[in-house]
All heavy atoms as atom14 arrays in JSON, in Angstrom:
{
  "sequence": "TALITDIRLSDCTFGEVAQANVIQNASGLSFTRVKMNGKLIENS",
  "atom14_mask": [
    [1, 1, 1, 1, 1, 1, 1, 0, 0, 0, 0, 0, 0, 0],
    [1, 1, 1, 1, 1, 0, 0, 0, 0, 0, 0, 0, 0, 0],
    [1, 1, 1, 1, 1, 1, 1, 1, 0, 0, 0, 0, 0, 0],
    [1, 1, 1, 1, 1, 1, 1, 1, 0, 0, 0, 0, 0, 0],
    [1, 1, 1, 1, 1, 1, 1, 0, 0, 0, 0, 0, 0, 0],
    [1, 1, 1, 1, 1, 1, 1, 1, 0, 0, 0, 0, 0, 0],
    [1, 1, 1, 1, 1, 1, 1, 1, 0, 0, 0, 0, 0, 0],
    [1, 1, 1, 1, 1, 1, 1, 1, 1, 1, 1, 0, 0, 0],
    [1, 1, 1, 1, 1, 1, 1, 1, 0, 0, 0, 0, 0, 0],
    [1, 1, 1, 1, 1, 1, 0, 0, 0, 0, 0, 0, 0, 0],
    [1, 1, 1, 1, 1, 1, 1, 1, 0, 0, 0, 0, 0, 0],
    [1, 1, 1, 1, 1, 1, 0, 0, 0, 0, 0, 0, 0, 0],
    [1, 1, 1, 1, 1, 1, 1, 0, 0, 0, 0, 0, 0, 0],
    [1, 1, 1, 1, 1, 1, 1, 1, 1, 1, 1, 0, 0, 0],
    [1, 1, 1, 1, 0, 0, 0, 0, 0, 0, 0, 0, 0, 0],
    [1, 1, 1, 1, 1, 1, 1, 1, 1, 0, 0, 0, 0, 0],
    [1, 1, 1, 1, 1, 1, 1, 0, 0, 0, 0, 0, 0, 0],
    [1, 1, 1, 1, 1, 0, 0, 0, 0, 0, 0, 0, 0, 0],
    [1, 1, 1, 1, 1, 1, 1, 1, 1, 0, 0, 0, 0, 0],
    [1, 1, 1, 1, 1, 0, 0, 0, 0, 0, 0, 0, 0, 0],
    [1, 1, 1, 1, 1, 1, 1, 1, 0, 0, 0, 0, 0, 0],
    [1, 1, 1, 1, 1, 1, 1, 0, 0, 0, 0, 0, 0, 0],
    [1, 1, 1, 1, 1, 1, 1, 1, 0, 0, 0, 0, 0, 0],
    [1, 1, 1, 1, 1, 1, 1, 1, 1, 0, 0, 0, 0, 0],
    [1, 1, 1, 1, 1, 1, 1, 1, 0, 0, 0, 0, 0, 0],
    [1, 1, 1, 1, 1, 0, 0, 0, 0, 0, 0, 0, 0, 0],
    [1, 1, 1, 1, 1, 1, 0, 0, 0, 0, 0, 0, 0, 0],
    [1, 1, 1, 1, 0, 0, 0, 0, 0, 0, 0, 0, 0, 0],
    [1, 1, 1, 1, 1, 1, 1, 1, 0, 0, 0, 0, 0, 0],
    [1, 1, 1, 1, 1, 1, 0, 0, 0, 0, 0, 0, 0, 0],
    [1, 1, 1, 1, 1, 1, 1, 1, 1, 1, 1, 0, 0, 0],
    [1, 1, 1, 1, 1, 1, 1, 0, 0, 0, 0, 0, 0, 0],
    [1, 1, 1, 1, 1, 1, 1, 1, 1, 1, 1, 0, 0, 0],
    [1, 1, 1, 1, 1, 1, 1, 0, 0, 0, 0, 0, 0, 0],
    [1, 1, 1, 1, 1, 1, 1, 1, 1, 0, 0, 0, 0, 0],
    [1, 1, 1, 1, 1, 1, 1, 1, 0, 0, 0, 0, 0, 0],
    [1, 1, 1, 1, 1, 1, 1, 1, 0, 0, 0, 0, 0, 0],
    [1, 1, 1, 1, 0, 0, 0, 0, 0, 0, 0, 0, 0, 0],
    [1, 1, 1, 1, 1, 1, 1, 1, 1, 0, 0, 0, 0, 0],
    [1, 1, 1, 1, 1, 1, 1, 1, 0, 0, 0, 0, 0, 0],
    [1, 1, 1, 1, 1, 1, 1, 1, 0, 0, 0, 0, 0, 0],
    [1, 1, 1, 1, 1, 1, 1, 1, 1, 0, 0, 0, 0, 0],
    [1, 1, 1, 1, 1, 1, 1, 1, 0, 0, 0, 0, 0, 0],
    [1, 1, 1, 1, 1, 1, 0, 0, 0, 0, 0, 0, 0, 0]
  ],
  "atom14_positions": [
    [[0.05, -38.7, -61.83], [0.71, -39.85, -62.47], [0.13, -41.19, -62.01], [0.55, -42.24, -62.49], [2.21, -39.84, -62.16], [2.39, -39.78, -60.74], [2.87, -38.62, -62.81], [0.0, 0.0, 0.0], [0.0, 0.0, 0.0], [0.0, 0.0, 0.0], [0.0, 0.0, 0.0], [0.0, 0.0, 0.0], [0.0, 0.0, 0.0], [0.0, 0.0, 0.0]],
    [[-0.81, -41.16, -61.08], [-1.43, -42.39, -60.57], [-2.84, -42.04, -60.12], [-3.06, -41.6, -58.99], [-0.62, -42.98, -59.42], [0.0, 0.0, 0.0], [0.0, 0.0, 0.0], [0.0, 0.0, 0.0], [0.0, 0.0, 0.0], [0.0, 0.0, 0.0], [0.0, 0.0, 0.0], [0.0, 0.0, 0.0], [0.0, 0.0, 0.0], [0.0, 0.0, 0.0]],
    [[-3.8, -42.24, -61.01], [-5.17, -41.85, -60.73], [-5.88, -42.89, -59.86], [-5.59, -44.1, -59.95], [-5.95, -41.69, -62.04], [-5.44, -40.67, -63.05], [-6.37, -40.64, -64.25], [-5.29, -39.29, -62.43], [0.0, 0.0, 0.0], [0.0, 0.0, 0.0], [0.0, 0.0, 0.0], [0.0, 0.0, 0.0], [0.0, 0.0, 0.0], [0.0, 0.0, 0.0]],
    [[-6.77, -42.44, -59.02], [-7.74, -43.32, -58.37], [-8.78, -43.66, -59.43], [-9.3, -42.76, -60.1], [-8.4, -42.6, -57.18], [-7.35, -42.2, -56.14], [-9.48, -43.46, -56.56], [-7.85, -41.22, -55.1], [0.0, 0.0, 0.0], [0.0, 0.0, 0.0], [0.0, 0.0, 0.0], [0.0, 0.0, 0.0], [0.0, 0.0, 0.0], [0.0, 0.0, 0.0]],
    [[-9.09, -44.94, -59.61], [-9.96, -45.31, -60.73], [-11.12, -46.2, -60.31], [-11.0, -47.02, -59.39], [-9.15, -46.04, -61.83], [-8.61, -47.26, -61.3], [-8.02, -45.18, -62.36], [0.0, 0.0, 0.0], [0.0, 0.0, 0.0], [0.0, 0.0, 0.0], [0.0, 0.0, 0.0], [0.0, 0.0, 0.0], [0.0, 0.0, 0.0], [0.0, 0.0, 0.0]],
    [[-12.22, -46.02, -61.03], [-13.38, -46.92, -60.96], [-13.99, -46.95, -59.55], [-14.01, -47.98, -58.88], [-12.99, -48.32, -61.42], [-14.22, -49.17, -61.77], [-15.33, -48.61, -61.83], [-14.06, -50.39, -61.96], [0.0, 0.0, 0.0], [0.0, 0.0, 0.0], [0.0, 0.0, 0.0], [0.0, 0.0, 0.0], [0.0, 0.0, 0.0], [0.0, 0.0, 0.0]],
    [[-14.48, -45.79, -59.13], [-15.16, -45.66, -57.83], [-16.65, -45.49, -58.12], [-17.06, -44.55, -58.8], [-14.64, -44.44, -57.03], [-13.1, -44.44, -57.01], [-15.23, -44.43, -55.64], [-12.46, -45.63, -56.36], [0.0, 0.0, 0.0], [0.0, 0.0, 0.0], [0.0, 0.0, 0.0], [0.0, 0.0, 0.0], [0.0, 0.0, 0.0], [0.0, 0.0, 0.0]],
    [[-17.48, -46.38, -57.6], [-18.9, -46.39, -57.92], [-19.75, -46.33, -56.66], [-19.56, -47.13, -55.73], [-19.23, -47.66, -58.72], [-18.36, -47.85, -59.95], [-18.72, -49.09, -60.73], [-18.69, -50.31, -59.92], [-17.59, -50.96, -59.59], [-16.39, -50.5, -59.95], [-17.66, -52.08, -58.88], [0.0, 0.0, 0.0], [0.0, 0.0, 0.0], [0.0, 0.0, 0.0]],
    [[-20.69, -45.39, -56.65], [-21.64, -45.27, -55.57], [-23.04, -45.4, -56.14], [-23.37, -44.76, -57.15], [-21.52, -43.93, -54.85], [-20.31, -43.72, -53.93], [-19.04, -43.48, -54.72], [-20.56, -42.56, -52.97], [0.0, 0.0, 0.0], [0.0, 0.0, 0.0], [0.0, 0.0, 0.0], [0.0, 0.0, 0.0], [0.0, 0.0, 0.0], [0.0, 0.0, 0.0]],
    [[-23.86, -46.21, -55.5], [-25.24, -46.36, -55.96], [-26.18, -46.42, -54.76], [-25.84, -46.99, -53.72], [-25.4, -47.61, -56.83], [-25.11, -48.78, -56.1], [0.0, 0.0, 0.0], [0.0, 0.0, 0.0], [0.0, 0.0, 0.0], [0.0, 0.0, 0.0], [0.0, 0.0, 0.0], [0.0, 0.0, 0.0], [0.0, 0.0, 0.0], [0.0, 0.0, 0.0]],
    [[-27.34, -45.79, -54.91], [-28.38, -45.8, -53.88], [-27.84, -45.32, -52.53], [-28.13, -45.92, -51.49], [-29.0, -47.2, -53.75], [-29.63, -47.66, -55.06], [-30.56, -46.99, -55.52], [-29.17, -48.68, -55.62], [0.0, 0.0, 0.0], [0.0, 0.0, 0.0], [0.0, 0.0, 0.0], [0.0, 0.0, 0.0], [0.0, 0.0, 0.0], [0.0, 0.0, 0.0]],
    [[-27.06, -44.26, -52.58], [-26.46, -43.68, -51.37], [-27.08, -42.32, -51.08], [-27.45, -41.58, -52.0], [-24.95, -43.54, -51.52], [-24.07, -45.11, -51.69], [0.0, 0.0, 0.0], [0.0, 0.0, 0.0], [0.0, 0.0, 0.0], [0.0, 0.0, 0.0], [0.0, 0.0, 0.0], [0.0, 0.0, 0.0], [0.0, 0.0, 0.0], [0.0, 0.0, 0.0]],
    [[-27.18, -41.99, -49.8], [-27.74, -40.71, -49.38], [-26.79, -40.06, -48.38], [-26.42, -40.68, -47.38], [-29.12, -40.9, -48.73], [-29.99, -41.54, -49.66], [-29.71, -39.56, -48.32], [0.0, 0.0, 0.0], [0.0, 0.0, 0.0], [0.0, 0.0, 0.0], [0.0, 0.0, 0.0], [0.0, 0.0, 0.0], [0.0, 0.0, 0.0], [0.0, 0.0, 0.0]],
    [[-26.43, -38.81, -48.65], [-25.56, -38.04, -47.77], [-26.31, -36.8, -47.31], [-26.63, -35.93, -48.12], [-24.28, -37.63, -48.5], [-23.47, -38.79, -49.04], [-23.7, -39.28, -50.32], [-22.49, -39.39, -48.26], [-22.95, -40.33, -50.82], [-21.74, -40.45, -48.75], [-21.97, -40.93, -50.03], [0.0, 0.0, 0.0], [0.0, 0.0, 0.0], [0.0, 0.0, 0.0]],
    [[-26.59, -36.73, -46.02], [-27.29, -35.57, -45.48], [-26.36, -34.66, -44.69], [-25.34, -35.11, -44.17], [0.0, 0.0, 0.0], [0.0, 0.0, 0.0], [0.0, 0.0, 0.0], [0.0, 0.0, 0.0], [0.0, 0.0, 0.0], [0.0, 0.0, 0.0], [0.0, 0.0, 0.0], [0.0, 0.0, 0.0], [0.0, 0.0, 0.0], [0.0, 0.0, 0.0]],
    [[-26.73, -33.39, -44.6], [-25.97, -32.38, -43.85], [-24.48, -32.42, -44.2], [-23.62, -32.49, -43.31], [-26.17, -32.55, -42.35], [-27.56, -32.16, -41.87], [-27.64, -32.05, -40.36], [-26.73, -31.44, -39.76], [-28.61, -32.58, -39.8], [0.0, 0.0, 0.0], [0.0, 0.0, 0.0], [0.0, 0.0, 0.0], [0.0, 0.0, 0.0], [0.0, 0.0, 0.0]],
    [[-24.19, -32.39, -45.49], [-22.8, -32.32, -45.94], [-22.38, -30.86, -45.95], [-23.0, -30.02, -46.62], [-22.64, -32.94, -47.35], [-21.19, -32.85, -47.8], [-23.12, -34.38, -47.34], [0.0, 0.0, 0.0], [0.0, 0.0, 0.0], [0.0, 0.0, 0.0], [0.0, 0.0, 0.0], [0.0, 0.0, 0.0], [0.0, 0.0, 0.0], [0.0, 0.0, 0.0]],
    [[-21.33, -30.53, -45.21], [-20.96, -29.13, -45.01], [-20.21, -28.54, -46.2], [-20.35, -27.34, -46.47], [-20.12, -29.0, -43.74], [0.0, 0.0, 0.0], [0.0, 0.0, 0.0], [0.0, 0.0, 0.0], [0.0, 0.0, 0.0], [0.0, 0.0, 0.0], [0.0, 0.0, 0.0], [0.0, 0.0, 0.0], [0.0, 0.0, 0.0], [0.0, 0.0, 0.0]],
    [[-19.38, -29.33, -46.88], [-18.55, -28.8, -47.95], [-18.63, -29.66, -49.19], [-18.97, -30.85, -49.12], [-17.09, -28.68, -47.49], [-16.89, -27.72, -46.33], [-15.42, -27.5, -46.02], [-14.56, -27.63, -46.88], [-15.14, -27.14, -44.77], [0.0, 0.0, 0.0], [0.0, 0.0, 0.0], [0.0, 0.0, 0.0], [0.0, 0.0, 0.0], [0.0, 0.0, 0.0]],
    [[-18.3, -29.04, -50.34], [-18.33, -29.77, -51.61], [-17.3, -30.89, -51.61], [-16.29, -30.84, -50.91], [-18.04, -28.8, -52.76], [0.0, 0.0, 0.0], [0.0, 0.0, 0.0], [0.0, 0.0, 0.0], [0.0, 0.0, 0.0], [0.0, 0.0, 0.0], [0.0, 0.0, 0.0], [0.0, 0.0, 0.0], [0.0, 0.0, 0.0], [0.0, 0.0, 0.0]],
    [[-17.58, -31.9, -52.42], [-16.63, -33.0, -52.57], [-15.27, -32.5, -53.02], [-15.16, -31.49, -53.73], [-17.13, -34.0, -53.62], [-18.37, -34.73, -53.18], [-18.6, -34.93, -52.0], [-19.19, -35.14, -54.15], [0.0, 0.0, 0.0], [0.0, 0.0, 0.0], [0.0, 0.0, 0.0], [0.0, 0.0, 0.0], [0.0, 0.0, 0.0], [0.0, 0.0, 0.0]],
    [[-14.24, -33.21, -52.61], [-12.88, -32.97, -53.11], [-12.52, -34.13, -54.01], [-12.47, -35.28, -53.56], [-11.87, -32.84, -51.95], [-10.45, -32.77, -52.49], [-12.18, -31.61, -51.11], [0.0, 0.0, 0.0], [0.0, 0.0, 0.0], [0.0, 0.0, 0.0], [0.0, 0.0, 0.0], [0.0, 0.0, 0.0], [0.0, 0.0, 0.0], [0.0, 0.0, 0.0]],
    [[-12.3, -33.85, -55.28], [-11.94, -34.89, -56.25], [-10.7, -34.41, -56.99], [-10.76, -33.5, -57.81], [-13.07, -35.15, -57.27], [-14.41, -35.37, -56.57], [-12.7, -36.32, -58.17], [-14.5, -36.64, -55.78], [0.0, 0.0, 0.0], [0.0, 0.0, 0.0], [0.0, 0.0, 0.0], [0.0, 0.0, 0.0], [0.0, 0.0, 0.0], [0.0, 0.0, 0.0]],
    [[-9.56, -35.02, -56.71], [-8.31, -34.66, -57.36], [-7.66, -35.91, -57.93], [-7.39, -36.86, -57.2], [-7.35, -33.98, -56.37], [-7.87, -32.68, -55.79], [-6.93, -32.09, -54.75], [-5.84, -32.63, -54.51], [-7.35, -31.01, -54.13], [0.0, 0.0, 0.0], [0.0, 0.0, 0.0], [0.0, 0.0, 0.0], [0.0, 0.0, 0.0], [0.0, 0.0, 0.0]],
    [[-7.43, -35.9, -59.23], [-6.72, -37.0, -59.89], [-7.42, -38.33, -59.69], [-6.86, -39.3, -59.17], [-5.27, -37.05, -59.4], [-4.54, -35.75, -59.61], [-4.65, -35.15, -60.68], [-3.82, -35.29, -58.6], [0.0, 0.0, 0.0], [0.0, 0.0, 0.0], [0.0, 0.0, 0.0], [0.0, 0.0, 0.0], [0.0, 0.0, 0.0], [0.0, 0.0, 0.0]],
    [[-8.68, -38.34, -60.1], [-9.49, -39.57, -60.06], [-10.26, -39.67, -61.36], [-10.66, -38.65, -61.95], [-10.44, -39.55, -58.87], [0.0, 0.0, 0.0], [0.0, 0.0, 0.0], [0.0, 0.0, 0.0], [0.0, 0.0, 0.0], [0.0, 0.0, 0.0], [0.0, 0.0, 0.0], [0.0, 0.0, 0.0], [0.0, 0.0, 0.0], [0.0, 0.0, 0.0]],
    [[-10.51, -40.89, -61.81], [-11.3, -41.09, -63.02], [-12.26, -42.25, -62.81], [-12.03, -43.12, -61.97], [-10.39, -41.38, -64.22], [-9.77, -42.64, -64.09], [0.0, 0.0, 0.0], [0.0, 0.0, 0.0], [0.0, 0.0, 0.0], [0.0, 0.0, 0.0], [0.0, 0.0, 0.0], [0.0, 0.0, 0.0], [0.0, 0.0, 0.0], [0.0, 0.0, 0.0]],
    [[-13.34, -42.22, -63.58], [-14.3, -43.32, -63.49], [-15.16, -43.25, -62.25], [-15.64, -44.28, -61.78], [0.0, 0.0, 0.0], [0.0, 0.0, 0.0], [0.0, 0.0, 0.0], [0.0, 0.0, 0.0], [0.0, 0.0, 0.0], [0.0, 0.0, 0.0], [0.0, 0.0, 0.0], [0.0, 0.0, 0.0], [0.0, 0.0, 0.0], [0.0, 0.0, 0.0]],
    [[-15.37, -42.05, -61.71], [-16.27, -41.91, -60.57], [-17.7, -41.91, -61.06], [-18.07, -41.12, -61.93], [-15.96, -40.6, -59.83], [-16.87, -40.25, -58.64], [-16.71, -41.29, -57.54], [-16.53, -38.86, -58.11], [0.0, 0.0, 0.0], [0.0, 0.0, 0.0], [0.0, 0.0, 0.0], [0.0, 0.0, 0.0], [0.0, 0.0, 0.0], [0.0, 0.0, 0.0]],
    [[-18.51, -42.8, -60.53], [-19.88, -42.96, -61.01], [-20.85, -42.91, -59.84], [-20.7, -43.66, -58.87], [-20.01, -44.29, -61.75], [-21.36, -44.58, -62.02], [0.0, 0.0, 0.0], [0.0, 0.0, 0.0], [0.0, 0.0, 0.0], [0.0, 0.0, 0.0], [0.0, 0.0, 0.0], [0.0, 0.0, 0.0], [0.0, 0.0, 0.0], [0.0, 0.0, 0.0]],
    [[-21.86, -42.02, -59.95], [-22.94, -41.96, -58.95], [-24.23, -42.4, -59.65], [-24.58, -41.88, -60.71], [-23.14, -40.54, -58.44], [-22.1, -40.05, -57.48], [-20.9, -40.72, -57.3], [-22.32, -38.89, -56.75], [-19.95, -40.26, -56.42], [-21.37, -38.42, -55.86], [-20.18, -39.1, -55.7], [0.0, 0.0, 0.0], [0.0, 0.0, 0.0], [0.0, 0.0, 0.0]],
    [[-24.95, -43.33, -59.02], [-26.23, -43.78, -59.54], [-27.25, -43.74, -58.41], [-27.07, -44.39, -57.38], [-26.13, -45.22, -60.09], [-25.1, -45.28, -61.07], [-27.45, -45.65, -60.71], [0.0, 0.0, 0.0], [0.0, 0.0, 0.0], [0.0, 0.0, 0.0], [0.0, 0.0, 0.0], [0.0, 0.0, 0.0], [0.0, 0.0, 0.0], [0.0, 0.0, 0.0]],
    [[-28.28, -42.95, -58.6], [-29.32, -42.75, -57.57], [-28.69, -42.34, -56.24], [-28.94, -42.95, -55.2], [-30.17, -44.01, -57.42], [-30.95, -44.37, -58.7], [-31.77, -45.64, -58.52], [-30.93, -46.78, -58.2], [-30.25, -47.49, -59.1], [-30.3, -47.18, -60.38], [-29.51, -48.52, -58.73], [0.0, 0.0, 0.0], [0.0, 0.0, 0.0], [0.0, 0.0, 0.0]],
    [[-27.88, -41.3, -56.3], [-27.19, -40.78, -55.13], [-27.74, -39.4, -54.79], [-27.89, -38.56, -55.68], [-25.67, -40.71, -55.37], [-24.97, -39.97, -54.23], [-25.1, -42.12, -55.51], [0.0, 0.0, 0.0], [0.0, 0.0, 0.0], [0.0, 0.0, 0.0], [0.0, 0.0, 0.0], [0.0, 0.0, 0.0], [0.0, 0.0, 0.0], [0.0, 0.0, 0.0]],
    [[-28.03, -39.16, -53.53], [-28.51, -37.86, -53.08], [-27.51, -37.23, -52.12], [-26.99, -37.91, -51.23], [-29.86, -37.99, -52.38], [-31.02, -38.25, -53.33], [-32.35, -38.22, -52.57], [-33.51, -38.41, -53.52], [-34.82, -38.36, -52.79], [0.0, 0.0, 0.0], [0.0, 0.0, 0.0], [0.0, 0.0, 0.0], [0.0, 0.0, 0.0], [0.0, 0.0, 0.0]],
    [[-27.27, -35.94, -52.32], [-26.45, -35.15, -51.4], [-27.26, -33.92, -50.99], [-27.7, -33.15, -51.86], [-25.14, -34.72, -52.05], [-24.2, -35.86, -52.36], [-22.64, -35.27, -53.0], [-21.85, -36.82, -53.41], [0.0, 0.0, 0.0], [0.0, 0.0, 0.0], [0.0, 0.0, 0.0], [0.0, 0.0, 0.0], [0.0, 0.0, 0.0], [0.0, 0.0, 0.0]],
    [[-27.45, -33.78, -49.71], [-28.24, -32.66, -49.18], [-29.58, -32.54, -49.91], [-30.04, -31.45, -50.25], [-27.46, -31.35, -49.29], [-26.26, -31.34, -48.35], [-26.2, -32.09, -47.38], [-25.28, -30.5, -48.65], [0.0, 0.0, 0.0], [0.0, 0.0, 0.0], [0.0, 0.0, 0.0], [0.0, 0.0, 0.0], [0.0, 0.0, 0.0], [0.0, 0.0, 0.0]],
    [[-30.2, -33.68, -50.17], [-31.52, -33.72, -50.78], [-31.55, -33.63, -52.28], [-32.61, -33.77, -52.9], [0.0, 0.0, 0.0], [0.0, 0.0, 0.0], [0.0, 0.0, 0.0], [0.0, 0.0, 0.0], [0.0, 0.0, 0.0], [0.0, 0.0, 0.0], [0.0, 0.0, 0.0], [0.0, 0.0, 0.0], [0.0, 0.0, 0.0], [0.0, 0.0, 0.0]],
    [[-30.41, -33.43, -52.94], [-30.35, -33.27, -54.39], [-29.87, -34.57, -55.04], [-28.85, -35.13, -54.66], [-29.41, -32.14, -54.76], [-29.31, -31.89, -56.27], [-28.34, -30.76, -56.57], [-28.2, -30.56, -58.07], [-27.22, -29.48, -58.4], [0.0, 0.0, 0.0], [0.0, 0.0, 0.0], [0.0, 0.0, 0.0], [0.0, 0.0, 0.0], [0.0, 0.0, 0.0]],
    [[-30.62, -35.02, -56.04], [-30.24, -36.23, -56.76], [-29.1, -35.94, -57.72], [-29.13, -34.98, -58.49], [-31.44, -36.77, -57.55], [-31.23, -38.09, -58.29], [-31.0, -39.23, -57.3], [-32.44, -38.39, -59.19], [0.0, 0.0, 0.0], [0.0, 0.0, 0.0], [0.0, 0.0, 0.0], [0.0, 0.0, 0.0], [0.0, 0.0, 0.0], [0.0, 0.0, 0.0]],
    [[-28.05, -36.77, -57.67], [-26.88, -36.6, -58.52], [-26.81, -37.78, -59.49], [-26.84, -38.93, -59.08], [-25.58, -36.55, -57.68], [-25.7, -35.52, -56.57], [-24.38, -36.29, -58.57], [-25.88, -34.11, -57.05], [0.0, 0.0, 0.0], [0.0, 0.0, 0.0], [0.0, 0.0, 0.0], [0.0, 0.0, 0.0], [0.0, 0.0, 0.0], [0.0, 0.0, 0.0]],
    [[-26.71, -37.51, -60.76], [-26.53, -38.56, -61.77], [-25.29, -38.24, -62.6], [-25.0, -37.07, -62.89], [-27.74, -38.65, -62.69], [-29.03, -39.09, -62.0], [-29.08, -40.57, -61.69], [-28.15, -41.28, -62.12], [-30.03, -41.01, -61.04], [0.0, 0.0, 0.0], [0.0, 0.0, 0.0], [0.0, 0.0, 0.0], [0.0, 0.0, 0.0], [0.0, 0.0, 0.0]],
    [[-24.56, -39.26, -63.01], [-23.37, -39.08, -63.84], [-22.51, -37.94, -63.31], [-22.25, -36.95, -63.99], [-23.77, -38.8, -65.29], [-24.59, -39.93, -65.87], [-24.31, -41.09, -65.6], [-25.61, -39.6, -66.64], [0.0, 0.0, 0.0], [0.0, 0.0, 0.0], [0.0, 0.0, 0.0], [0.0, 0.0, 0.0], [0.0, 0.0, 0.0], [0.0, 0.0, 0.0]],
    [[-22.04, -38.1, -62.08], [-21.6, -36.94, -61.31], [-20.12, -36.64, -61.37], [-19.63, -35.87, -60.58], [-21.96, -37.17, -59.85], [-21.26, -38.29, -59.37], [0.0, 0.0, 0.0], [0.0, 0.0, 0.0], [0.0, 0.0, 0.0], [0.0, 0.0, 0.0], [0.0, 0.0, 0.0], [0.0, 0.0, 0.0], [0.0, 0.0, 0.0], [0.0, 0.0, 0.0]]
  ]
}
């Protein structure tokens, strides 16, 4: 009933991430030129 909104990450790098992201009740999450564990994520 109350979403987290408009979260934007750009040109970010996350190394040695042990577990997948947790995204619950959020909208407008945007990744631009973001890498996680060496993998480029777009429109994520």
